[in-house]
Protein backbone atom coordinates (compact mmCIF):
# COMPACT_ATOMS: atom_id res chain seq x y z
CA MET A 1 -283.58 168.05 -125.98
CA LEU A 2 -280.68 166.09 -127.18
CA ARG A 3 -281.75 166.71 -131.06
CA TRP A 4 -281.83 170.18 -130.39
CA SER A 5 -278.49 170.36 -128.81
CA ALA A 6 -277.09 168.18 -131.85
CA LEU A 7 -278.61 170.75 -134.24
CA GLY A 8 -276.88 173.64 -132.26
CA LEU A 9 -273.64 172.16 -132.27
CA ALA A 10 -273.88 171.32 -136.19
CA VAL A 11 -275.02 175.05 -136.95
CA VAL A 12 -271.94 176.25 -134.50
CA ILE A 13 -269.38 174.09 -136.38
CA ALA A 14 -270.59 174.93 -139.67
CA GLY A 15 -270.33 178.59 -138.81
CA TRP A 16 -266.80 178.23 -137.40
CA LEU A 17 -265.43 176.28 -140.17
CA GLY A 18 -267.55 178.30 -143.13
CA ALA A 19 -264.96 180.72 -144.01
CA GLU A 20 -261.84 178.68 -144.12
CA VAL A 21 -263.55 175.71 -146.18
CA TRP A 22 -264.96 178.25 -148.67
CA ARG A 23 -261.41 179.17 -149.02
CA ASP A 24 -260.32 175.82 -149.63
CA SER A 25 -263.40 174.29 -151.29
CA GLY A 26 -265.46 177.04 -152.66
CA VAL A 27 -269.15 176.44 -153.33
CA PHE A 28 -268.80 172.77 -152.44
CA THR A 29 -268.42 174.24 -148.74
CA VAL A 30 -272.52 174.46 -148.76
CA VAL A 31 -272.30 170.46 -149.28
CA LEU A 32 -269.45 169.65 -147.00
CA LEU A 33 -271.17 171.75 -144.23
CA GLY A 34 -274.65 171.92 -144.60
CA LEU A 35 -275.58 167.93 -144.91
CA PRO A 36 -274.85 167.47 -141.37
CA THR A 37 -276.93 170.77 -140.49
CA LEU A 38 -279.78 169.68 -142.67
CA VAL A 39 -279.82 166.11 -141.29
CA CYS A 40 -279.88 167.18 -137.68
CA LEU A 41 -282.89 169.54 -138.85
CA VAL A 42 -284.75 166.89 -140.30
CA ALA A 43 -284.14 164.69 -136.75
CA VAL A 44 -285.28 167.60 -134.87
CA LEU A 45 -288.73 168.08 -137.05
CA ALA A 46 -289.14 164.43 -137.05
CA SER A 47 -289.01 164.36 -133.44
CA GLY A 48 -292.82 164.48 -132.63
CA SER A 49 -293.66 161.58 -134.96
CA ARG A 50 -294.04 158.26 -134.20
CA TYR A 51 -290.89 157.67 -136.38
CA ALA A 52 -288.73 159.82 -134.37
CA ARG A 53 -286.39 157.44 -133.03
CA ALA A 54 -285.73 155.52 -136.27
CA VAL A 55 -285.21 158.86 -137.84
CA THR A 56 -282.74 160.09 -135.14
CA TRP A 57 -280.76 156.51 -135.86
CA GLY A 58 -280.69 157.15 -139.42
CA ALA A 59 -279.50 160.97 -138.95
CA ALA A 60 -276.80 159.72 -136.53
CA ALA A 61 -275.68 156.75 -139.06
CA VAL A 62 -275.65 159.71 -141.87
CA VAL A 63 -273.74 162.06 -139.84
CA LEU A 64 -271.35 159.51 -138.42
CA GLY A 65 -270.64 158.15 -142.11
CA TRP A 66 -270.05 161.61 -143.44
CA SER A 67 -267.53 162.64 -140.54
CA LEU A 68 -265.47 159.45 -141.42
CA VAL A 69 -265.68 160.05 -145.24
CA LEU A 70 -264.50 163.39 -144.50
CA GLY A 71 -262.48 162.38 -141.70
CA LEU A 72 -258.92 164.08 -142.41
CA GLY A 73 -260.70 167.60 -143.06
CA VAL A 74 -263.58 168.89 -141.44
CA GLY A 75 -265.20 165.70 -140.59
CA LEU A 76 -263.73 165.10 -137.51
CA PHE A 77 -265.63 168.07 -136.02
CA PHE A 78 -268.93 166.62 -136.45
CA LEU A 79 -268.25 163.42 -134.73
CA PRO A 80 -269.85 165.00 -131.25
CA VAL A 81 -272.89 165.65 -133.18
CA ALA A 82 -272.99 162.13 -134.79
CA PHE A 83 -272.72 161.11 -130.90
CA LEU A 84 -275.37 163.34 -129.68
CA LEU A 85 -277.87 162.14 -132.17
CA ALA A 86 -276.75 158.57 -130.97
CA ALA A 87 -277.48 159.38 -127.74
CA ALA A 88 -280.72 161.02 -128.56
CA ALA A 89 -282.00 158.00 -130.51
CA ALA A 90 -280.82 155.72 -127.62
CA ARG A 91 -282.66 157.62 -125.19
CA HIS A 92 -285.74 155.90 -123.50
CA ASP A 93 -288.61 158.20 -123.72
CA PRO A 94 -291.35 157.28 -121.25
CA ALA A 95 -293.93 159.48 -123.01
CA ARG A 96 -293.79 157.51 -126.32
CA SER A 97 -293.75 154.08 -124.59
CA ARG A 98 -297.22 154.19 -123.01
CA PRO A 99 -299.37 151.05 -123.93
CA LEU A 100 -302.39 152.05 -126.33
CA ARG A 101 -306.00 152.49 -124.81
CA ARG A 102 -308.30 149.79 -125.98
């Protein structure tokens, strides 16, 4: 649920900032706003796999790094997305921690 929330928030932020960033950065807007959204999508798609926690930690690190690199501009808007991804990765999921049957 937290991964989906992070994706939804990233899409809302990208849509909200899209026109203003387009006027300032042109085509590079796709990279500026698309990277965090794409990384969140990868975390959502990997949520059913056994590597979900590792992928989500990686996604949180990428979005956090991207928001810090772009910190004086649109990057600060993506900090809540990074925190949501980190919370999703840190959350204990009892369904994934079942012992294996022998």
